[in-house]
Protein backbone atom coordinates (compact mmCIF):
# COMPACT_ATOMS: atom_id res chain seq x y z
CA MET A 1 -2.38 23.85 42.44
CA THR A 2 -0.87 20.37 42.08
CA GLU A 3 -1.63 18.71 38.76
CA GLN A 4 -3.40 15.38 39.24
CA ARG A 5 -1.65 12.28 37.97
CA ARG A 6 -3.14 10.92 34.77
CA ILE A 7 -4.66 7.50 35.23
CA ASP A 8 -3.91 5.23 32.30
CA PHE A 9 -6.56 2.74 31.24
CA LYS A 10 -5.29 2.94 27.67
CA THR A 11 -2.00 1.07 27.80
CA GLY A 12 -2.23 -2.73 27.89
CA TYR A 13 0.97 -3.28 29.87
CA PRO A 14 1.56 -5.62 32.81
CA ASP A 15 2.14 -4.39 36.35
CA LEU A 16 5.90 -4.47 36.97
CA ALA A 17 5.22 -5.29 40.61
CA LEU A 18 4.90 -8.86 39.33
CA VAL A 19 8.50 -8.99 38.10
CA PRO A 20 10.49 -11.37 40.38
CA ARG A 21 13.52 -9.08 40.44
CA ASP A 22 15.67 -10.89 42.98
CA LEU A 23 15.16 -14.28 41.38
CA LEU A 24 15.83 -13.00 37.86
CA LEU A 25 18.97 -11.28 39.12
CA ALA A 26 20.19 -14.50 40.74
CA ILE A 27 19.43 -16.56 37.63
CA THR A 28 21.14 -14.09 35.30
CA THR A 29 24.18 -13.85 37.57
CA ASP A 30 24.51 -17.65 37.67
CA LEU A 31 24.20 -17.92 33.89
CA LEU A 32 26.88 -15.32 33.22
CA ARG A 33 29.23 -16.83 35.80
CA GLU A 34 28.79 -20.17 34.06
CA ASN A 35 29.38 -18.59 30.63
CA ARG A 36 25.90 -19.53 29.53
CA GLY A 37 23.50 -17.53 27.42
CA MET A 38 26.11 -15.26 25.88
CA GLN A 39 26.49 -16.76 22.39
CA TYR A 40 24.15 -16.91 19.42
CA ALA A 41 21.59 -19.67 19.85
CA GLY A 42 22.48 -21.40 16.55
CA ASP A 43 19.26 -23.13 15.57
CA VAL A 44 16.69 -20.63 14.29
CA ALA A 45 14.10 -22.43 16.42
CA GLY A 46 16.13 -21.70 19.56
CA SER A 47 18.61 -23.76 21.55
CA GLN A 48 17.62 -27.37 22.13
CA PRO A 49 18.13 -27.33 25.95
CA ALA A 50 16.09 -24.15 26.34
CA ARG A 51 13.28 -25.51 24.16
CA GLU A 52 13.24 -28.75 26.17
CA GLN A 53 12.71 -26.86 29.42
CA ILE A 54 10.20 -24.43 27.94
CA ALA A 55 8.28 -27.36 26.39
CA ALA A 56 8.01 -28.87 29.88
CA MET A 57 6.89 -25.46 31.19
CA LEU A 58 4.14 -25.25 28.57
CA HIS A 59 3.06 -28.80 29.36
CA GLU A 60 2.44 -27.62 32.93
CA LEU A 61 0.76 -24.41 31.78
CA TYR A 62 -1.57 -25.87 29.15
CA GLY A 63 -2.05 -29.35 30.60
CA ILE A 64 -1.13 -31.08 27.34
CA PRO A 65 2.14 -32.66 26.17
CA VAL A 66 4.36 -30.22 24.26
CA GLN A 67 7.37 -31.62 22.41
CA THR A 68 10.61 -29.76 21.73
CA ASN A 69 10.23 -30.25 17.98
CA GLU A 70 6.84 -28.48 18.15
CA LEU A 71 8.35 -25.18 19.32
CA ILE A 72 10.06 -22.16 17.82
CA LEU A 73 11.26 -19.56 20.31
CA THR A 74 10.63 -15.97 19.17
CA THR A 75 10.94 -12.43 20.46
CA GLY A 76 7.27 -12.36 21.51
CA ALA A 77 3.74 -13.08 20.39
CA LEU A 78 3.75 -10.30 17.78
CA ALA A 79 6.94 -11.68 16.25
CA SER A 80 5.29 -15.11 16.19
CA ILE A 81 2.24 -13.68 14.36
CA ASP A 82 4.57 -12.09 11.83
CA ILE A 83 6.48 -15.32 11.25
CA VAL A 84 3.37 -17.45 10.77
CA CYS A 85 1.73 -14.98 8.39
CA ARG A 86 4.86 -14.53 6.28
CA ALA A 87 5.37 -18.27 6.10
CA LEU A 88 1.80 -19.00 5.00
CA THR A 89 0.81 -16.07 2.81
CA SER A 90 1.75 -14.36 -0.42
CA PRO A 91 0.75 -10.84 -1.48
CA ASP A 92 -2.99 -10.55 -2.19
CA ASP A 93 -3.86 -13.61 -0.12
CA VAL A 94 -6.55 -13.09 2.52
CA VAL A 95 -6.16 -13.16 6.30
CA ILE A 96 -9.39 -13.09 8.29
CA VAL A 97 -9.49 -11.45 11.71
CA GLU A 98 -12.17 -10.95 14.31
CA SER A 99 -14.04 -7.66 14.55
CA PRO A 100 -12.93 -6.09 16.79
CA THR A 101 -9.41 -7.43 17.27
CA PHE A 102 -5.96 -6.60 18.64
CA TYR A 103 -5.00 -3.50 16.68
CA PHE A 104 -1.23 -4.16 16.65
CA ALA A 105 -1.71 -7.63 15.19
CA VAL A 106 -3.49 -6.00 12.23
CA THR A 107 -0.48 -3.73 11.71
CA ILE A 108 1.82 -6.75 11.67
CA ILE A 109 -0.40 -8.72 9.29
CA GLU A 110 -0.73 -5.75 6.93
CA ALA A 111 3.04 -5.81 6.44
CA CYS A 112 2.62 -9.13 4.61
CA ARG A 113 0.73 -7.22 1.86
CA VAL A 114 -2.35 -9.37 2.26
CA GLN A 115 -6.00 -8.37 2.21
CA ILE A 116 -7.41 -8.30 5.73
CA VAL A 117 -11.07 -9.24 6.07
CA SER A 118 -12.89 -8.94 9.39
CA VAL A 119 -15.84 -10.95 10.67
CA PRO A 120 -17.87 -10.13 13.79
CA MET A 121 -17.59 -11.65 17.22
CA GLY A 122 -20.45 -13.34 19.04
CA HIS A 123 -20.84 -13.93 22.77
CA ASP A 124 -19.36 -17.40 22.30
CA GLY A 125 -16.38 -16.41 20.12
CA ILE A 126 -15.89 -15.67 16.45
CA ASN A 127 -19.19 -15.71 14.53
CA LEU A 128 -18.89 -18.98 12.62
CA SER A 129 -21.77 -18.26 10.24
CA ALA A 130 -20.25 -14.92 9.22
CA LEU A 131 -16.87 -16.60 8.92
CA GLU A 132 -18.21 -19.25 6.58
CA LEU A 133 -19.79 -16.59 4.37
CA ALA A 134 -16.39 -14.91 4.09
CA LEU A 135 -14.72 -18.24 3.35
CA ARG A 136 -17.17 -18.90 0.54
CA GLN A 137 -16.61 -15.41 -0.85
CA TYR A 138 -12.81 -15.47 -0.84
CA GLY A 139 -12.26 -19.19 -1.35
CA SER A 140 -8.71 -20.48 -1.59
CA ARG A 141 -7.26 -16.99 -1.11
CA VAL A 142 -7.93 -17.36 2.64
CA LYS A 143 -4.76 -18.72 4.17
CA VAL A 144 -5.04 -17.70 7.83
CA VAL A 145 -7.75 -16.92 10.38
CA TYR A 146 -6.33 -14.99 13.35
CA THR A 147 -8.25 -15.48 16.60
CA ILE A 148 -7.83 -14.66 20.30
CA PRO A 149 -10.10 -17.30 21.84
CA ALA A 150 -9.35 -16.76 25.54
CA PHE A 151 -10.20 -13.41 27.16
CA HIS A 152 -10.11 -11.70 23.83
CA ASN A 153 -8.38 -8.36 23.30
CA PRO A 154 -10.32 -6.08 23.37
CA THR A 155 -13.72 -7.63 24.17
CA GLY A 156 -12.78 -10.08 26.94
CA ILE A 157 -14.91 -12.77 25.27
CA CYS A 158 -13.90 -16.37 25.93
CA ALA A 159 -14.75 -18.71 23.06
CA THR A 160 -16.68 -21.82 24.06
CA VAL A 161 -15.35 -25.27 23.33
CA GLU A 162 -18.15 -25.71 20.76
CA ASN A 163 -17.05 -22.53 19.01
CA ARG A 164 -13.43 -23.69 19.01
CA ARG A 165 -14.40 -27.06 17.53
CA GLY A 166 -16.55 -25.31 14.93
CA LEU A 167 -13.58 -23.20 13.88
CA ILE A 168 -11.46 -26.32 13.50
CA ALA A 169 -14.16 -27.92 11.34
CA LEU A 170 -14.14 -24.90 9.03
CA ALA A 171 -10.34 -24.97 8.84
CA ARG A 172 -10.49 -28.58 7.68
CA GLN A 173 -13.22 -27.86 5.17
CA TYR A 174 -11.71 -24.73 3.65
CA GLY A 175 -8.01 -25.45 4.10
CA PHE A 176 -6.85 -22.45 6.12
CA THR A 177 -4.60 -22.30 9.19
CA ILE A 178 -5.93 -21.10 12.54
CA LEU A 179 -3.51 -18.63 14.10
CA GLU A 180 -4.39 -18.94 17.80
CA ASP A 181 -3.18 -16.11 20.03
CA ALA A 182 -3.11 -17.66 23.51
CA THR A 183 -1.60 -14.66 25.29
CA TYR A 184 -4.39 -14.48 27.88
CA GLN A 185 -5.19 -18.21 28.16
CA PRO A 186 -3.51 -18.57 31.59
CA LEU A 187 -5.01 -15.37 33.06
CA TYR A 188 -8.37 -16.62 34.33
CA PHE A 189 -9.88 -15.45 37.60
CA GLU A 190 -12.68 -17.97 38.09
CA SER A 191 -13.05 -21.15 36.00
CA PRO A 192 -10.30 -21.84 33.47
CA PRO A 193 -11.13 -21.32 29.79
CA PRO A 194 -11.70 -24.24 27.43
CA PRO A 195 -8.55 -26.00 26.20
CA LEU A 196 -6.32 -24.50 23.54
CA ILE A 197 -7.67 -24.85 20.02
CA GLN A 198 -4.35 -26.56 19.30
CA SER A 199 -5.20 -29.33 21.77
CA LEU A 200 -8.58 -29.97 20.11
CA ASP A 201 -7.19 -30.30 16.60
CA ASP A 202 -5.77 -33.42 14.95
CA SER A 203 -5.50 -32.06 11.42
CA GLY A 204 -2.35 -29.96 11.85
CA ARG A 205 -4.16 -26.71 11.01
CA VAL A 206 -3.37 -24.68 14.14
CA ALA A 207 -0.38 -22.51 15.07
CA THR A 208 -0.51 -21.24 18.65
CA VAL A 209 1.44 -18.16 19.72
CA ALA A 210 2.06 -16.61 23.15
CA SER A 211 4.86 -15.22 25.33
CA VAL A 212 6.10 -14.67 28.88
CA SER A 213 5.55 -10.90 28.65
CA LYS A 214 2.30 -10.88 30.63
CA LEU A 215 3.51 -13.52 33.08
CA ILE A 216 7.16 -12.85 33.99
CA MET A 217 8.56 -9.67 32.40
CA PRO A 218 7.90 -8.03 29.01
CA ALA A 219 11.52 -6.93 28.50
CA LEU A 220 12.62 -10.58 28.29
CA ARG A 221 11.13 -10.55 24.78
CA LEU A 222 10.56 -14.28 24.65
CA GLY A 223 7.61 -15.96 23.00
CA TRP A 224 6.91 -19.08 20.98
CA ILE A 225 5.13 -20.71 18.11
CA TYR A 226 3.62 -24.05 19.13
CA ALA A 227 2.62 -26.08 16.10
CA PRO A 228 2.70 -29.63 14.73
CA ALA A 229 6.26 -30.83 14.27
CA ASP A 230 5.83 -31.26 10.51
CA LYS A 231 5.01 -27.53 10.18
CA ILE A 232 7.96 -26.20 12.16
CA ALA A 233 10.35 -26.23 9.20
CA LEU A 234 7.89 -24.08 7.25
CA TYR A 235 7.63 -21.53 10.04
CA LYS A 236 11.39 -21.47 10.52
CA ARG A 237 11.68 -20.25 6.93
CA GLY A 238 9.53 -17.29 7.89
CA LYS A 239 11.79 -16.30 10.79
CA ALA A 240 13.99 -13.58 9.34
CA ASP A 241 15.72 -12.39 12.52
CA GLY A 242 17.74 -15.53 13.25
CA ALA A 243 17.52 -17.30 16.59
CA SER A 244 15.98 -15.43 19.51
CA SER A 245 18.11 -14.26 22.44
CA LEU A 246 19.89 -17.18 24.02
CA LEU A 247 20.22 -15.24 27.28
CA SER A 248 16.45 -14.62 27.53
CA SER A 249 15.78 -18.25 26.61
CA GLU A 250 18.17 -19.51 29.27
CA ILE A 251 16.69 -17.17 31.90
CA VAL A 252 13.16 -18.42 31.26
CA ALA A 253 14.32 -22.05 31.06
CA SER A 254 16.17 -21.72 34.37
CA PHE A 255 13.18 -19.99 35.92
CA ALA A 256 10.98 -22.92 34.94
CA GLU A 257 13.58 -25.53 35.92
CA ARG A 258 13.58 -24.14 39.46
CA GLY A 259 9.82 -24.75 39.67
CA GLU A 260 9.01 -21.04 39.71
CA PHE A 261 6.84 -20.71 36.62
CA LEU A 262 3.46 -21.97 37.83
CA PRO A 263 3.73 -20.08 41.15
CA GLN A 264 4.49 -16.95 39.11
CA VAL A 265 1.38 -17.53 36.98
CA GLU A 266 -0.68 -17.94 40.17
CA ARG A 267 0.68 -14.63 41.47
CA ALA A 268 -0.31 -12.97 38.18
CA ARG A 269 -3.82 -14.40 38.41
CA ALA A 270 -4.22 -13.25 42.00
CA LEU A 271 -2.99 -9.72 41.29
CA TYR A 272 -5.10 -9.20 38.17
CA LYS A 273 -8.15 -10.76 39.81
CA ARG A 274 -7.98 -8.04 42.49
CA LYS A 275 -7.58 -5.34 39.87
CA HIS A 276 -10.41 -6.79 37.77
CA HIS A 277 -12.62 -6.76 40.86
CA ALA A 278 -11.62 -3.15 41.58
CA MET A 279 -12.63 -2.03 38.09
CA VAL A 280 -15.85 -4.04 37.95
CA SER A 281 -16.88 -2.79 41.39
CA ALA A 282 -16.08 0.82 40.46
CA LEU A 283 -18.06 0.56 37.23
CA ASP A 284 -21.01 -0.86 39.16
CA ARG A 285 -20.78 1.98 41.64
CA TYR A 286 -20.07 5.00 39.44
CA ALA A 287 -20.90 4.37 35.76
CA PRO A 288 -24.29 5.32 34.31
CA ALA A 289 -26.71 2.46 33.75
CA TRP A 290 -26.68 3.09 29.99
CA LEU A 291 -23.01 2.15 29.67
CA GLU A 292 -22.93 -1.46 28.37
CA TRP A 293 -20.10 -3.69 29.60
CA ASP A 294 -19.42 -7.19 30.89
CA ALA A 295 -16.98 -8.52 33.48
CA PRO A 296 -14.54 -10.72 31.52
CA ASN A 297 -13.23 -12.67 34.57
CA GLY A 298 -9.87 -12.98 32.86
CA GLY A 299 -7.31 -11.23 30.72
CA TYR A 300 -6.58 -7.49 30.93
CA PHE A 301 -9.56 -5.57 29.56
CA VAL A 302 -13.13 -4.43 30.04
CA TRP A 303 -14.86 -3.55 26.74
CA ALA A 304 -17.65 -1.00 27.00
CA LYS A 305 -20.23 0.48 24.64
CA VAL A 306 -21.91 3.86 24.79
CA PRO A 307 -25.35 4.64 23.33
CA PRO A 308 -25.75 6.41 19.95
CA HIS A 309 -26.03 9.89 21.48
CA VAL A 310 -22.51 9.64 22.95
CA SER A 311 -19.33 10.05 20.91
CA VAL A 312 -16.35 8.10 22.26
CA LYS A 313 -14.02 10.63 20.63
CA ALA A 314 -15.72 13.46 22.52
CA LEU A 315 -15.79 11.37 25.70
CA LEU A 316 -12.05 10.76 25.43
CA GLY A 317 -11.37 14.46 25.15
CA ARG A 318 -13.41 15.20 28.26
CA ALA A 319 -11.90 12.27 30.17
CA ASN A 320 -8.41 13.54 29.39
CA THR A 321 -9.24 16.92 30.94
CA LEU A 322 -10.25 15.02 34.09
CA GLY A 323 -6.94 13.16 34.18
CA VAL A 324 -7.94 9.75 32.82
CA ASP A 325 -7.10 8.07 29.53
CA PHE A 326 -8.60 5.06 27.75
CA PHE A 327 -8.30 3.26 24.43
CA ALA A 328 -10.85 4.38 21.85
CA GLY A 329 -12.37 1.31 20.23
CA SER A 330 -12.08 2.56 16.64
CA ALA A 331 -8.48 1.31 16.39
CA SER A 332 -9.69 -2.23 17.11
CA PHE A 333 -11.75 -2.34 13.91
CA VAL A 334 -10.07 -2.91 10.56
CA ASP A 335 -11.94 -0.06 8.91
CA GLY A 336 -11.56 2.21 11.95
CA ASN A 337 -15.23 3.07 11.65
CA ASP A 338 -16.42 3.03 15.25
CA ASP A 339 -17.29 5.76 17.74
CA SER A 340 -19.20 3.74 20.30
CA HIS A 341 -16.69 1.46 22.06
CA LEU A 342 -13.88 1.93 24.57
CA ARG A 343 -11.35 -0.47 26.06
CA LEU A 344 -10.34 -0.15 29.70
CA CYS A 345 -7.17 -1.91 30.87
CA PHE A 346 -7.16 -2.85 34.54
CA ALA A 347 -3.70 -4.46 34.57
CA LEU A 348 -1.35 -1.47 34.79
CA MET A 349 -2.88 0.81 37.43
CA SER A 350 -3.11 0.16 41.17
CA GLU A 351 -6.45 -0.68 42.77
CA ASP A 352 -6.71 2.83 44.25
CA GLU A 353 -5.93 4.36 40.86
CA ILE A 354 -8.56 2.16 39.23
CA GLU A 355 -11.15 3.42 41.72
CA GLN A 356 -10.18 7.05 41.14
CA GLY A 357 -9.98 6.63 37.37
CA ILE A 358 -13.39 5.03 36.98
CA ALA A 359 -14.89 7.75 39.18
CA ARG A 360 -13.36 10.41 36.91
CA LEU A 361 -14.42 8.60 33.74
CA SER A 362 -17.94 8.22 35.10
CA GLU A 363 -18.05 11.94 35.83
CA ALA A 364 -17.37 12.50 32.14
CA LEU A 365 -19.93 9.89 31.13
CA HIS A 366 -22.68 11.44 33.24
CA GLU A 367 -22.12 14.76 31.46
CA PHE A 368 -23.36 13.11 28.25
CA MET A 369 -26.76 12.13 29.67
């Protein structure tokens, strides 16, 4: 009997079908023939020509002016989170995160030896009332609030513009920095999300991080910190790995210079919109009515909740025997105390695999009725 292929809804990786292999090969070949991209970058923020082109690329992507002196090039969004937190915090300071949140970001923040405090999410973004209670409790120890306002990982929630402005108001009042993870900001399938928090702020209290991993190719390992120019020197002091790869920077800069970046983003949106539709349609068709979930219409993930009589841990075990894997929600909570949520990634698998996987998962779910 042939063993069925395991369908992976656990891993939040991009589909490598998106990688523009021929174009990247041509760009890399040209760079090496021209003796470009082979040396150290020099400036810890990244080479000036590469930052100029990437600033123009981000202007197109975000619809707001981005200046070269507002950018630090990094090895990805996680590296950017690490840099910002190390630059702004000391041991025993407090970093506030959403509950739930991106589990790997918590791991990175913990390395700064800070206290991590979580506050709940609402349907419109981070719960501002709960956040203010935490700010009153911890006072000046709170240095950073980490948020994923667009197509949140794992919940898929998109913070409203009112919520984003409310967060800025609290940052001004209590003196913390908003660490805005904009990884999924460009990946909308219907209406675009509200503008970056960075674009709504005039107090200099936002650092925005993102990367090309979900848009071009993860192995390029190129991301950025976008922040007010007068804060860049501070963040550069937190960058312990020197300048990021000049070759990766030059590849992305050349990619953008050829006018390929926005078309690539459109291809990513179109591909993930189809996969999102495949998962949402399969859940509608196969999942029991008691499974709670919402269509995010952007990003990578569907976040689902089971009723009290169902254990996600037990469900995962049964799903694995049926050849499907998913991400148990407990890892997305700082205290790990959750057995009722699961995260389903629709980005990595094909549309046929999504259909098969949700059918298998639903078979397991129906056994818990």
